[in-house]
Amino acid sequence: SNSCYKVLEKRGISVHFGIDNDGTIFQWLDMQHAGWHAGGRTWNHKSVGVEISNAYSLKYQSWYERKGFGPRPVMEGAKVHGKTCSTHLGFYDVQLEALAALWEAVSYATGIPLALPSTDNAVDPDCVRGDFKGFCNHYHLTKRKIDCASLDNDKVLRMALQLRERR
């Protein structure tokens, strides 16, 4: 997450939370402050930004293995905005578990519903207008973004709801 944070900082991007390769969650920004992650003032002021540490390109697979994280899942056939993405590195299961725990905690603390947009892997009009209440990806906001095309939102939501039931 240190290198992820440095890349974001260099690009002038800020997010509230980062999830490291081992599932550790870092809070980089108070949720009361706007992060600059969603590409638009309206979205930034109405959202909580989360960055999951992951290099998209397959050329980084050996780095993860050398650093002791093990091989990342390789994602093929992910679609976003009606187009198939290039084969890329996915997220570790422990990162998905951390994301589910973060969604549940943020929902519990703020009242944001544990819900997903009605569109799957495409721009969602409610998200664009800032009317959606729940958890979405950048690709729900604009066709310029593809992240996180291969994230299994339904699986993460199910895990978050299971955590909520245990509360």
N, C-alpha and C. Protein backbone atom coordinates (compact mmCIF):
# COMPACT_ATOMS: atom_id res chain seq x y z
N SER A 1 0.81 -1.20 0.00
CA SER A 1 0.00 0.00 0.00
C SER A 1 0.85 1.26 0.00
N ASN A 2 2.08 1.16 0.50
CA ASN A 2 2.94 2.34 0.46
C ASN A 2 3.18 2.80 -0.97
N SER A 3 3.51 1.86 -1.85
CA SER A 3 3.74 2.26 -3.25
C SER A 3 2.44 2.70 -3.90
N CYS A 4 1.34 2.09 -3.57
CA CYS A 4 0.03 2.49 -4.08
C CYS A 4 -0.26 3.93 -3.66
N TYR A 5 -0.02 4.24 -2.39
CA TYR A 5 -0.25 5.58 -1.88
C TYR A 5 0.62 6.61 -2.60
N LYS A 6 1.87 6.25 -2.83
CA LYS A 6 2.79 7.16 -3.52
C LYS A 6 2.34 7.44 -4.95
N VAL A 7 1.85 6.41 -5.63
CA VAL A 7 1.34 6.58 -7.00
C VAL A 7 0.14 7.52 -6.99
N LEU A 8 -0.79 7.31 -6.06
CA LEU A 8 -1.97 8.16 -5.98
C LEU A 8 -1.57 9.60 -5.68
N GLU A 9 -0.67 9.75 -4.74
CA GLU A 9 -0.21 11.10 -4.36
C GLU A 9 0.44 11.81 -5.55
N LYS A 10 1.26 11.08 -6.28
CA LYS A 10 1.93 11.65 -7.46
C LYS A 10 0.92 12.10 -8.51
N ARG A 11 -0.20 11.39 -8.61
CA ARG A 11 -1.24 11.72 -9.60
C ARG A 11 -2.24 12.75 -9.08
N GLY A 12 -2.07 13.19 -7.82
CA GLY A 12 -3.01 14.15 -7.25
C GLY A 12 -4.34 13.54 -6.86
N ILE A 13 -4.32 12.25 -6.57
CA ILE A 13 -5.53 11.51 -6.21
C ILE A 13 -5.48 11.20 -4.72
N SER A 14 -6.63 11.31 -4.07
CA SER A 14 -6.69 10.93 -2.65
C SER A 14 -7.91 10.05 -2.44
N VAL A 15 -7.75 9.08 -1.58
CA VAL A 15 -8.84 8.16 -1.24
C VAL A 15 -8.91 8.03 0.27
N HIS A 16 -10.02 7.57 0.75
CA HIS A 16 -10.22 7.42 2.18
C HIS A 16 -9.54 6.18 2.75
N PHE A 17 -9.60 5.09 1.98
CA PHE A 17 -9.07 3.82 2.46
C PHE A 17 -8.24 3.13 1.39
N GLY A 18 -7.25 2.38 1.83
CA GLY A 18 -6.46 1.53 0.96
C GLY A 18 -6.45 0.13 1.53
N ILE A 19 -6.51 -0.86 0.66
CA ILE A 19 -6.44 -2.26 1.09
C ILE A 19 -5.17 -2.85 0.51
N ASP A 20 -4.29 -3.31 1.38
CA ASP A 20 -3.00 -3.84 0.98
C ASP A 20 -3.14 -5.27 0.47
N ASN A 21 -2.05 -5.78 -0.07
CA ASN A 21 -2.03 -7.13 -0.64
C ASN A 21 -2.39 -8.21 0.38
N ASP A 22 -2.09 -7.96 1.65
CA ASP A 22 -2.37 -8.94 2.69
C ASP A 22 -3.73 -8.72 3.36
N GLY A 23 -4.51 -7.76 2.84
CA GLY A 23 -5.83 -7.48 3.39
C GLY A 23 -5.86 -6.40 4.46
N THR A 24 -4.70 -5.86 4.82
CA THR A 24 -4.67 -4.79 5.80
C THR A 24 -5.37 -3.57 5.23
N ILE A 25 -6.23 -2.96 6.03
CA ILE A 25 -6.95 -1.76 5.62
C ILE A 25 -6.28 -0.56 6.26
N PHE A 26 -5.94 0.42 5.44
CA PHE A 26 -5.37 1.67 5.91
C PHE A 26 -6.37 2.79 5.69
N GLN A 27 -6.51 3.67 6.67
CA GLN A 27 -7.32 4.86 6.46
C GLN A 27 -6.38 6.02 6.17
N TRP A 28 -6.50 6.58 4.97
CA TRP A 28 -5.62 7.66 4.52
C TRP A 28 -6.27 9.02 4.59
N LEU A 29 -7.59 9.06 4.76
CA LEU A 29 -8.31 10.33 4.77
C LEU A 29 -9.55 10.17 5.63
N ASP A 30 -9.86 11.17 6.43
CA ASP A 30 -11.06 11.16 7.25
C ASP A 30 -12.29 11.14 6.33
N MET A 31 -13.30 10.35 6.67
CA MET A 31 -14.48 10.26 5.82
C MET A 31 -15.28 11.56 5.78
N GLN A 32 -15.00 12.49 6.69
CA GLN A 32 -15.68 13.78 6.66
C GLN A 32 -15.11 14.70 5.58
N HIS A 33 -13.95 14.33 5.03
CA HIS A 33 -13.30 15.14 4.01
C HIS A 33 -13.50 14.51 2.64
N ALA A 34 -13.54 15.35 1.62
CA ALA A 34 -13.67 14.86 0.24
C ALA A 34 -12.34 14.31 -0.23
N GLY A 35 -12.38 13.13 -0.83
CA GLY A 35 -11.21 12.59 -1.51
C GLY A 35 -11.31 12.98 -2.98
N TRP A 36 -10.19 12.99 -3.66
CA TRP A 36 -10.18 13.33 -5.09
C TRP A 36 -9.84 12.08 -5.87
N HIS A 37 -10.87 11.24 -6.06
CA HIS A 37 -10.67 9.91 -6.64
C HIS A 37 -11.67 9.56 -7.72
N ALA A 38 -12.80 10.23 -7.75
CA ALA A 38 -13.88 9.81 -8.65
C ALA A 38 -13.98 10.64 -9.92
N GLY A 39 -13.16 11.63 -10.07
CA GLY A 39 -13.12 12.37 -11.33
C GLY A 39 -14.14 13.48 -11.45
N GLY A 40 -14.89 13.78 -10.42
CA GLY A 40 -15.85 14.87 -10.49
C GLY A 40 -16.17 15.40 -9.11
N ARG A 41 -16.29 16.71 -9.00
CA ARG A 41 -16.53 17.34 -7.70
C ARG A 41 -17.76 16.76 -7.01
N THR A 42 -18.85 16.59 -7.75
CA THR A 42 -20.08 16.06 -7.15
C THR A 42 -19.85 14.68 -6.59
N TRP A 43 -19.22 13.82 -7.38
CA TRP A 43 -18.99 12.44 -6.91
C TRP A 43 -18.04 12.41 -5.74
N ASN A 44 -16.98 13.19 -5.80
CA ASN A 44 -15.99 13.18 -4.72
C ASN A 44 -16.59 13.61 -3.39
N HIS A 45 -17.51 14.56 -3.43
CA HIS A 45 -18.11 15.06 -2.19
C HIS A 45 -19.22 14.16 -1.66
N LYS A 46 -19.63 13.19 -2.45
CA LYS A 46 -20.72 12.30 -2.04
C LYS A 46 -20.26 10.86 -1.90
N SER A 47 -18.95 10.63 -1.83
CA SER A 47 -18.50 9.24 -1.85
C SER A 47 -17.32 9.01 -0.91
N VAL A 48 -17.09 7.74 -0.65
CA VAL A 48 -15.94 7.29 0.11
C VAL A 48 -15.09 6.48 -0.85
N GLY A 49 -13.84 6.90 -1.05
CA GLY A 49 -12.97 6.24 -2.00
C GLY A 49 -12.14 5.13 -1.38
N VAL A 50 -12.07 4.00 -2.07
CA VAL A 50 -11.28 2.85 -1.63
C VAL A 50 -10.37 2.42 -2.78
N GLU A 51 -9.10 2.26 -2.49
CA GLU A 51 -8.14 1.77 -3.47
C GLU A 51 -7.65 0.41 -3.01
N ILE A 52 -7.77 -0.58 -3.87
CA ILE A 52 -7.29 -1.93 -3.56
C ILE A 52 -5.96 -2.09 -4.27
N SER A 53 -4.90 -2.32 -3.51
CA SER A 53 -3.57 -2.44 -4.08
C SER A 53 -3.52 -3.57 -5.10
N ASN A 54 -3.19 -3.22 -6.34
CA ASN A 54 -3.14 -4.22 -7.40
C ASN A 54 -2.59 -3.58 -8.67
N ALA A 55 -1.59 -4.19 -9.23
CA ALA A 55 -1.10 -3.77 -10.54
C ALA A 55 -1.89 -4.53 -11.58
N TYR A 56 -2.47 -3.86 -12.52
CA TYR A 56 -3.36 -4.44 -13.52
C TYR A 56 -2.61 -5.36 -14.49
N SER A 57 -1.44 -4.93 -14.90
CA SER A 57 -0.70 -5.63 -15.96
C SER A 57 -0.12 -6.97 -15.50
N LEU A 58 -0.19 -7.96 -16.39
CA LEU A 58 0.36 -9.28 -16.10
C LEU A 58 1.87 -9.24 -15.86
N LYS A 59 2.55 -8.23 -16.39
CA LYS A 59 4.01 -8.18 -16.25
C LYS A 59 4.45 -8.04 -14.80
N TYR A 60 3.53 -7.69 -13.89
CA TYR A 60 3.89 -7.52 -12.48
C TYR A 60 3.67 -8.78 -11.65
N GLN A 61 3.18 -9.86 -12.27
CA GLN A 61 2.91 -11.09 -11.52
C GLN A 61 4.14 -11.58 -10.77
N SER A 62 5.28 -11.55 -11.42
CA SER A 62 6.51 -12.05 -10.78
C SER A 62 6.90 -11.19 -9.58
N TRP A 63 6.59 -9.91 -9.59
CA TRP A 63 6.89 -9.04 -8.45
C TRP A 63 6.13 -9.52 -7.22
N TYR A 64 4.84 -9.81 -7.38
CA TYR A 64 4.03 -10.28 -6.26
C TYR A 64 4.57 -11.60 -5.70
N GLU A 65 5.02 -12.46 -6.59
CA GLU A 65 5.57 -13.73 -6.15
C GLU A 65 6.91 -13.54 -5.42
N ARG A 66 7.78 -12.69 -5.98
CA ARG A 66 9.08 -12.41 -5.33
C ARG A 66 8.92 -11.79 -3.95
N LYS A 67 7.88 -10.98 -3.78
CA LYS A 67 7.65 -10.30 -2.50
C LYS A 67 6.92 -11.18 -1.49
N GLY A 68 6.59 -12.42 -1.90
CA GLY A 68 5.99 -13.37 -0.97
C GLY A 68 4.48 -13.34 -0.88
N PHE A 69 3.82 -12.62 -1.76
CA PHE A 69 2.36 -12.57 -1.73
C PHE A 69 1.72 -13.74 -2.46
N GLY A 70 2.50 -14.39 -3.31
CA GLY A 70 1.97 -15.48 -4.12
C GLY A 70 1.37 -14.93 -5.40
N PRO A 71 1.06 -15.83 -6.33
CA PRO A 71 0.50 -15.38 -7.61
C PRO A 71 -0.90 -14.79 -7.43
N ARG A 72 -1.14 -13.74 -8.16
CA ARG A 72 -2.48 -13.14 -8.17
C ARG A 72 -3.35 -13.91 -9.14
N PRO A 73 -4.65 -13.91 -8.92
CA PRO A 73 -5.55 -14.50 -9.92
C PRO A 73 -5.40 -13.75 -11.24
N VAL A 74 -5.47 -14.48 -12.33
CA VAL A 74 -5.42 -13.87 -13.66
C VAL A 74 -6.85 -13.82 -14.18
N MET A 75 -7.29 -12.63 -14.53
CA MET A 75 -8.67 -12.41 -14.93
C MET A 75 -8.77 -12.32 -16.45
N GLU A 76 -9.62 -13.17 -17.01
CA GLU A 76 -9.84 -13.17 -18.45
C GLU A 76 -11.32 -12.97 -18.73
N GLY A 77 -11.61 -12.21 -19.77
CA GLY A 77 -12.98 -12.06 -20.21
C GLY A 77 -13.82 -11.06 -19.43
N ALA A 78 -13.20 -10.28 -18.53
CA ALA A 78 -13.97 -9.27 -17.80
C ALA A 78 -14.51 -8.25 -18.79
N LYS A 79 -15.76 -7.88 -18.60
CA LYS A 79 -16.38 -6.91 -19.51
C LYS A 79 -16.76 -5.67 -18.73
N VAL A 80 -16.58 -4.55 -19.40
CA VAL A 80 -17.03 -3.27 -18.87
C VAL A 80 -17.41 -2.38 -20.05
N HIS A 81 -18.52 -1.69 -19.91
CA HIS A 81 -19.04 -0.83 -20.98
C HIS A 81 -19.20 -1.59 -22.30
N GLY A 82 -19.55 -2.87 -22.21
CA GLY A 82 -19.80 -3.68 -23.38
C GLY A 82 -18.56 -4.17 -24.10
N LYS A 83 -17.39 -3.91 -23.55
CA LYS A 83 -16.14 -4.33 -24.18
C LYS A 83 -15.41 -5.29 -23.26
N THR A 84 -14.67 -6.21 -23.86
CA THR A 84 -13.87 -7.15 -23.07
C THR A 84 -12.53 -6.53 -22.75
N CYS A 85 -12.19 -6.55 -21.48
CA CYS A 85 -10.90 -6.00 -21.02
C CYS A 85 -9.78 -6.96 -21.38
N SER A 86 -8.59 -6.45 -21.46
CA SER A 86 -7.43 -7.32 -21.66
C SER A 86 -7.25 -8.20 -20.43
N THR A 87 -6.62 -9.34 -20.62
CA THR A 87 -6.32 -10.22 -19.50
C THR A 87 -5.46 -9.45 -18.50
N HIS A 88 -5.81 -9.54 -17.21
CA HIS A 88 -5.13 -8.73 -16.20
C HIS A 88 -5.10 -9.44 -14.86
N LEU A 89 -4.36 -8.86 -13.93
CA LEU A 89 -4.26 -9.41 -12.59
C LEU A 89 -5.49 -9.02 -11.77
N GLY A 90 -5.98 -9.97 -11.00
CA GLY A 90 -7.14 -9.72 -10.15
C GLY A 90 -6.72 -9.51 -8.70
N PHE A 91 -7.70 -9.59 -7.81
CA PHE A 91 -7.47 -9.34 -6.40
C PHE A 91 -7.34 -10.65 -5.64
N TYR A 92 -6.56 -10.60 -4.58
CA TYR A 92 -6.45 -11.75 -3.68
C TYR A 92 -7.76 -11.90 -2.90
N ASP A 93 -8.08 -13.14 -2.52
CA ASP A 93 -9.29 -13.39 -1.72
C ASP A 93 -9.27 -12.58 -0.43
N VAL A 94 -8.11 -12.46 0.20
CA VAL A 94 -8.01 -11.72 1.46
C VAL A 94 -8.34 -10.24 1.25
N GLN A 95 -8.08 -9.72 0.05
CA GLN A 95 -8.45 -8.33 -0.24
C GLN A 95 -9.96 -8.19 -0.38
N LEU A 96 -10.59 -9.20 -0.99
CA LEU A 96 -12.05 -9.17 -1.12
C LEU A 96 -12.72 -9.28 0.25
N GLU A 97 -12.15 -10.10 1.12
CA GLU A 97 -12.67 -10.22 2.48
C GLU A 97 -12.53 -8.90 3.22
N ALA A 98 -11.40 -8.23 3.04
CA ALA A 98 -11.19 -6.93 3.68
C ALA A 98 -12.16 -5.90 3.12
N LEU A 99 -12.39 -5.92 1.81
CA LEU A 99 -13.32 -4.98 1.20
C LEU A 99 -14.73 -5.20 1.75
N ALA A 100 -15.13 -6.45 1.89
CA ALA A 100 -16.45 -6.75 2.45
C ALA A 100 -16.55 -6.22 3.88
N ALA A 101 -15.51 -6.42 4.67
CA ALA A 101 -15.51 -5.92 6.05
C ALA A 101 -15.57 -4.39 6.07
N LEU A 102 -14.86 -3.75 5.14
CA LEU A 102 -14.87 -2.30 5.06
C LEU A 102 -16.26 -1.79 4.65
N TRP A 103 -16.85 -2.42 3.61
CA TRP A 103 -18.21 -2.03 3.21
C TRP A 103 -19.17 -2.14 4.39
N GLU A 104 -19.09 -3.24 5.11
CA GLU A 104 -20.01 -3.44 6.23
C GLU A 104 -19.77 -2.39 7.32
N ALA A 105 -18.52 -2.10 7.63
CA ALA A 105 -18.21 -1.11 8.68
C ALA A 105 -18.65 0.29 8.26
N VAL A 106 -18.37 0.66 7.02
CA VAL A 106 -18.78 1.98 6.53
C VAL A 106 -20.30 2.08 6.52
N SER A 107 -20.97 1.03 6.09
CA SER A 107 -22.43 1.02 6.09
C SER A 107 -22.97 1.16 7.50
N TYR A 108 -22.42 0.42 8.42
CA TYR A 108 -22.87 0.45 9.81
C TYR A 108 -22.65 1.84 10.42
N ALA A 109 -21.50 2.43 10.14
CA ALA A 109 -21.15 3.71 10.74
C ALA A 109 -21.89 4.90 10.12
N THR A 110 -22.23 4.79 8.84
CA THR A 110 -22.77 5.95 8.13
C THR A 110 -24.23 5.79 7.70
N GLY A 111 -24.72 4.57 7.68
CA GLY A 111 -26.07 4.33 7.18
C GLY A 111 -26.14 4.14 5.68
N ILE A 112 -24.99 4.17 4.99
CA ILE A 112 -24.99 3.88 3.56
C ILE A 112 -25.48 2.44 3.39
N PRO A 113 -26.50 2.23 2.59
CA PRO A 113 -27.04 0.87 2.43
C PRO A 113 -26.03 -0.10 1.80
N LEU A 114 -26.09 -1.33 2.21
CA LEU A 114 -25.31 -2.38 1.55
C LEU A 114 -26.09 -2.75 0.28
N ALA A 115 -25.82 -1.99 -0.77
CA ALA A 115 -26.54 -2.16 -2.03
C ALA A 115 -25.60 -1.86 -3.18
N LEU A 116 -25.95 -2.41 -4.36
CA LEU A 116 -25.18 -2.20 -5.59
C LEU A 116 -26.05 -1.51 -6.63
N PRO A 117 -25.44 -0.81 -7.58
CA PRO A 117 -26.21 -0.19 -8.67
C PRO A 117 -26.96 -1.25 -9.48
N SER A 118 -27.98 -0.81 -10.17
CA SER A 118 -28.80 -1.74 -10.97
C SER A 118 -28.08 -2.17 -12.24
N THR A 119 -27.12 -1.39 -12.72
CA THR A 119 -26.38 -1.78 -13.91
C THR A 119 -25.17 -2.59 -13.52
N ASP A 120 -24.81 -3.54 -14.37
CA ASP A 120 -23.65 -4.39 -14.11
C ASP A 120 -22.55 -4.04 -15.10
N ASN A 121 -21.41 -3.57 -14.61
CA ASN A 121 -20.25 -3.24 -15.44
C ASN A 121 -20.54 -2.20 -16.51
N ALA A 122 -21.33 -1.21 -16.13
CA ALA A 122 -21.65 -0.13 -17.06
C ALA A 122 -22.00 1.13 -16.26
N VAL A 123 -22.02 2.26 -16.94
CA VAL A 123 -22.42 3.51 -16.30
C VAL A 123 -23.84 3.36 -15.77
N ASP A 124 -24.07 3.83 -14.56
CA ASP A 124 -25.39 3.78 -13.95
C ASP A 124 -25.91 5.21 -13.80
N PRO A 125 -27.05 5.52 -14.40
CA PRO A 125 -27.57 6.90 -14.36
C PRO A 125 -27.75 7.44 -12.94
N ASP A 126 -28.20 6.61 -12.01
CA ASP A 126 -28.37 7.08 -10.63
C ASP A 126 -27.02 7.44 -9.99
N CYS A 127 -25.98 6.66 -10.30
CA CYS A 127 -24.65 6.97 -9.79
C CYS A 127 -24.15 8.29 -10.39
N VAL A 128 -24.34 8.45 -11.68
CA VAL A 128 -23.88 9.67 -12.37
C VAL A 128 -24.52 10.91 -11.75
N ARG A 129 -25.81 10.86 -11.47
CA ARG A 129 -26.52 11.99 -10.90
C ARG A 129 -26.20 12.20 -9.42
N GLY A 130 -25.56 11.21 -8.79
CA GLY A 130 -25.30 11.31 -7.36
C GLY A 130 -26.49 10.89 -6.52
N ASP A 131 -27.46 10.21 -7.14
CA ASP A 131 -28.67 9.78 -6.43
C ASP A 131 -28.54 8.38 -5.83
N PHE A 132 -27.56 7.60 -6.28
CA PHE A 132 -27.44 6.23 -5.80
C PHE A 132 -26.89 6.21 -4.38
N LYS A 133 -27.46 5.35 -3.56
CA LYS A 133 -26.98 5.16 -2.18
C LYS A 133 -26.54 3.71 -2.06
N GLY A 134 -25.24 3.49 -1.94
CA GLY A 134 -24.70 2.15 -1.84
C GLY A 134 -23.25 2.15 -2.27
N PHE A 135 -22.79 1.04 -2.83
CA PHE A 135 -21.39 0.85 -3.19
C PHE A 135 -21.26 0.63 -4.69
N CYS A 136 -20.43 1.46 -5.32
CA CYS A 136 -20.27 1.36 -6.77
C CYS A 136 -18.79 1.45 -7.13
N ASN A 137 -18.51 1.22 -8.39
CA ASN A 137 -17.15 1.32 -8.94
C ASN A 137 -17.04 2.56 -9.80
N HIS A 138 -15.82 2.89 -10.17
CA HIS A 138 -15.62 4.06 -11.04
C HIS A 138 -16.35 3.91 -12.37
N TYR A 139 -16.39 2.68 -12.90
CA TYR A 139 -17.04 2.49 -14.19
C TYR A 139 -18.54 2.76 -14.14
N HIS A 140 -19.12 2.80 -12.95
CA HIS A 140 -20.53 3.16 -12.83
C HIS A 140 -20.74 4.66 -13.05
N LEU A 141 -19.65 5.43 -12.96
CA LEU A 141 -19.74 6.89 -13.06
C LEU A 141 -19.43 7.44 -14.45
N THR A 142 -18.52 6.78 -15.17
CA THR A 142 -18.08 7.31 -16.46
C THR A 142 -17.54 6.20 -17.34
N LYS A 143 -17.69 6.35 -18.64
CA LYS A 143 -17.13 5.39 -19.60
C LYS A 143 -15.61 5.51 -19.69
N ARG A 144 -15.04 6.56 -19.13
CA ARG A 144 -13.58 6.73 -19.16
C ARG A 144 -12.87 5.78 -18.19
N LYS A 145 -13.61 5.17 -17.29
CA LYS A 145 -13.00 4.31 -16.27
C LYS A 145 -13.42 2.86 -16.46
N ILE A 146 -12.48 1.94 -16.17
CA ILE A 146 -12.81 0.52 -16.22
C ILE A 146 -12.64 -0.15 -14.86
N ASP A 147 -12.18 0.58 -13.87
CA ASP A 147 -11.94 -0.06 -12.57
C ASP A 147 -13.22 -0.10 -11.75
N CYS A 148 -13.45 -1.16 -11.14
CA CYS A 148 -12.76 -2.44 -11.06
C CYS A 148 -13.57 -3.48 -11.85
N ALA A 149 -13.28 -3.61 -13.12
CA ALA A 149 -14.06 -4.44 -14.04
C ALA A 149 -14.18 -5.89 -13.60
N SER A 150 -13.15 -6.45 -13.02
CA SER A 150 -13.21 -7.88 -12.67
C SER A 150 -13.56 -8.11 -11.20
N LEU A 151 -13.88 -7.07 -10.48
CA LEU A 151 -14.29 -7.23 -9.08
C LEU A 151 -15.68 -7.86 -9.04
N ASP A 152 -15.81 -8.94 -8.30
CA ASP A 152 -17.10 -9.61 -8.16
C ASP A 152 -17.89 -8.89 -7.07
N ASN A 153 -18.58 -7.82 -7.47
CA ASN A 153 -19.35 -7.01 -6.52
C ASN A 153 -20.40 -7.82 -5.77
N ASP A 154 -21.07 -8.73 -6.48
CA ASP A 154 -22.11 -9.54 -5.83
C ASP A 154 -21.52 -10.40 -4.71
N LYS A 155 -20.35 -10.96 -4.95
CA LYS A 155 -19.69 -11.79 -3.93
C LYS A 155 -19.31 -10.94 -2.73
N VAL A 156 -18.72 -9.77 -2.98
CA VAL A 156 -18.31 -8.88 -1.88
C VAL A 156 -19.55 -8.44 -1.09
N LEU A 157 -20.63 -8.12 -1.79
CA LEU A 157 -21.86 -7.73 -1.11
C LEU A 157 -22.40 -8.87 -0.24
N ARG A 158 -22.41 -10.09 -0.77
CA ARG A 158 -22.87 -11.24 0.03
C ARG A 158 -22.03 -11.40 1.29
N MET A 159 -20.71 -11.25 1.16
CA MET A 159 -19.83 -11.36 2.33
C MET A 159 -20.13 -10.26 3.33
N ALA A 160 -20.36 -9.04 2.86
CA ALA A 160 -20.66 -7.92 3.74
C ALA A 160 -21.99 -8.15 4.47
N LEU A 161 -22.97 -8.66 3.75
CA LEU A 161 -24.26 -8.94 4.38
C LEU A 161 -24.16 -10.05 5.42
N GLN A 162 -23.30 -11.05 5.18
CA GLN A 162 -23.07 -12.10 6.16
C GLN A 162 -22.44 -11.51 7.42
N LEU A 163 -21.50 -10.60 7.24
CA LEU A 163 -20.88 -9.93 8.40
C LEU A 163 -21.93 -9.14 9.17
N ARG A 164 -22.83 -8.49 8.45
CA ARG A 164 -23.89 -7.70 9.10
C ARG A 164 -24.77 -8.60 9.93
N GLU A 165 -25.10 -9.79 9.41
CA GLU A 165 -25.95 -10.73 10.15
C GLU A 165 -25.31 -11.16 11.46
N ARG A 166 -23.99 -11.24 11.48
CA ARG A 166 -23.27 -11.68 12.69
C ARG A 166 -23.18 -10.56 13.74
N ARG A 167 -23.40 -9.33 13.32
CA ARG A 167 -23.23 -8.18 14.22
C ARG A 167 -24.25 -8.24 15.35
